Amino acid sequence: MAAHNELGKLGEEMAVDFLIEKGYAILERNWRYQKSEIDIVCRINDTLAIVEVKTRSSIEIGLPIDAVNTKKIRLLTRAVDEYVCARDLDVEVRFDVISIYKKDNSFVIEHLTGAFYYF
């Protein structure tokens, strides 16, 4: 497995641990629909949180959150439509981004709630 894939998997593990510590219930990981993948589907209170995780070994080329572009948002919203409809859910949906990057000998985790909106 390529180093960037291993880093991505490590980032998702750290994100899951972070979310559980904050009281989120993890419902799905790496849920796929057509060309889309939702990294983490979780629930906090009455809100379904769709979490995109971006991990970088450094911020030399920019913050990890900068990689969440219009195309990625479009793919995620289509996947969430399918996820919610297939399960006949009547919940508020929120999109979050967890940005993880290495700084010195540790990782920085930033959680942006309501990073973009679902229409």
Protein backbone atom coordinates (compact mmCIF):
# COMPACT_ATOMS: atom_id res chain seq x y z
CA MET A 1 0.00 0.00 0.00
CA ALA A 2 1.30 3.46 -0.87
CA ALA A 3 2.46 5.70 1.97
CA HIS A 4 -0.28 8.28 1.30
CA ASN A 5 -2.95 5.54 1.55
CA GLU A 6 -1.53 4.37 4.87
CA LEU A 7 -1.52 7.97 6.11
CA GLY A 8 -5.14 8.34 5.02
CA LYS A 9 -6.18 5.19 6.89
CA LEU A 10 -4.32 6.38 9.99
CA GLY A 11 -6.09 9.74 9.71
CA GLU A 12 -9.50 8.06 9.50
CA GLU A 13 -8.70 5.96 12.58
CA MET A 14 -7.67 9.10 14.48
CA ALA A 15 -10.85 10.85 13.31
CA VAL A 16 -13.07 7.98 14.50
CA ASP A 17 -11.36 7.97 17.90
CA PHE A 18 -11.74 11.76 18.11
CA LEU A 19 -15.45 11.61 17.25
CA ILE A 20 -16.18 8.79 19.71
CA GLU A 21 -14.41 10.77 22.43
CA LYS A 22 -16.69 13.75 21.61
CA GLY A 23 -19.84 11.61 21.97
CA TYR A 24 -20.58 10.74 18.33
CA ALA A 25 -22.00 7.32 17.43
CA ILE A 26 -20.24 5.90 14.37
CA LEU A 27 -22.78 4.37 11.96
CA GLU A 28 -20.70 3.69 8.84
CA ARG A 29 -17.14 3.96 7.60
CA ASN A 30 -16.08 4.22 3.97
CA TRP A 31 -19.65 3.98 2.68
CA ARG A 32 -19.70 3.93 -1.13
CA TYR A 33 -22.22 5.03 -3.71
CA GLN A 34 -21.25 5.11 -7.39
CA LYS A 35 -18.10 7.30 -7.60
CA SER A 36 -18.45 8.65 -4.07
CA GLU A 37 -17.20 7.54 -0.71
CA ILE A 38 -18.34 8.93 2.61
CA ASP A 39 -15.47 8.55 5.04
CA ILE A 40 -17.57 8.53 8.22
CA VAL A 41 -21.32 8.61 8.82
CA CYS A 42 -22.10 9.31 12.44
CA ARG A 43 -24.78 10.67 14.68
CA ILE A 44 -24.67 13.30 17.38
CA ASN A 45 -27.99 13.88 19.14
CA ASP A 46 -30.60 14.22 16.34
CA THR A 47 -28.11 15.15 13.62
CA LEU A 48 -26.60 12.88 11.01
CA ALA A 49 -23.03 14.08 10.53
CA ILE A 50 -21.29 13.24 7.28
CA VAL A 51 -17.56 13.54 7.91
CA GLU A 52 -14.90 13.97 5.25
CA VAL A 53 -11.41 13.27 6.61
CA LYS A 54 -8.35 14.84 5.00
CA THR A 55 -4.88 13.95 6.27
CA ARG A 56 -1.54 15.41 5.25
CA SER A 57 2.03 14.72 6.32
CA SER A 58 2.66 18.47 6.37
CA ILE A 59 0.96 21.73 5.43
CA GLU A 60 3.62 22.81 2.95
CA ILE A 61 1.14 22.53 0.07
CA GLY A 62 -1.79 23.87 2.09
CA LEU A 63 -4.18 22.79 4.79
CA PRO A 64 -5.93 19.45 4.34
CA ILE A 65 -9.35 21.12 4.27
CA ASP A 66 -8.31 22.91 1.06
CA ALA A 67 -8.67 19.55 -0.73
CA VAL A 68 -12.45 19.57 -0.20
CA ASN A 69 -13.41 21.17 -3.47
CA THR A 70 -16.66 21.71 -5.37
CA LYS A 71 -16.44 18.35 -7.14
CA LYS A 72 -15.95 16.51 -3.83
CA ILE A 73 -18.90 18.35 -2.29
CA ARG A 74 -21.10 17.45 -5.27
CA LEU A 75 -20.15 13.76 -5.01
CA LEU A 76 -20.74 13.73 -1.26
CA THR A 77 -24.19 15.32 -1.50
CA ARG A 78 -25.27 12.74 -4.10
CA ALA A 79 -24.06 9.93 -1.87
CA VAL A 80 -25.86 11.39 1.14
CA ASP A 81 -29.08 11.66 -0.88
CA GLU A 82 -28.86 7.94 -1.56
CA TYR A 83 -27.90 7.09 2.02
CA VAL A 84 -30.80 9.05 3.54
CA CYS A 85 -33.40 7.91 0.97
CA ALA A 86 -32.38 4.23 1.06
CA ARG A 87 -32.81 4.22 4.84
CA ASP A 88 -35.91 6.43 4.82
CA LEU A 89 -34.31 8.75 7.37
CA ASP A 90 -35.91 11.93 8.56
CA VAL A 91 -32.95 13.68 10.16
CA GLU A 92 -31.01 16.89 9.95
CA VAL A 93 -27.86 16.34 7.89
CA ARG A 94 -24.64 18.21 8.55
CA PHE A 95 -21.36 18.03 6.64
CA ASP A 96 -18.17 18.19 8.67
CA VAL A 97 -14.52 18.08 7.73
CA ILE A 98 -11.82 16.70 9.96
CA SER A 99 -8.45 18.05 8.94
CA ILE A 100 -5.38 16.21 10.25
CA TYR A 101 -1.78 17.15 9.64
CA LYS A 102 1.57 16.33 11.10
CA LYS A 103 3.33 19.03 13.09
CA ASP A 104 6.70 18.18 14.57
CA ASN A 105 6.27 14.69 16.07
CA SER A 106 2.51 14.74 16.55
CA PHE A 107 -0.70 15.30 14.63
CA VAL A 108 -3.02 18.29 14.77
CA ILE A 109 -6.74 17.48 14.48
CA GLU A 110 -9.17 20.22 13.51
CA HIS A 111 -12.92 19.54 13.32
CA LEU A 112 -14.95 21.95 11.22
CA THR A 113 -18.65 21.38 11.85
CA GLY A 114 -21.12 22.57 9.23
CA ALA A 115 -18.32 22.94 6.70
CA PHE A 116 -20.83 23.21 3.85
CA TYR A 117 -24.55 22.85 3.47
CA TYR A 118 -26.90 20.29 2.01
CA PHE A 119 -29.69 21.61 -0.18
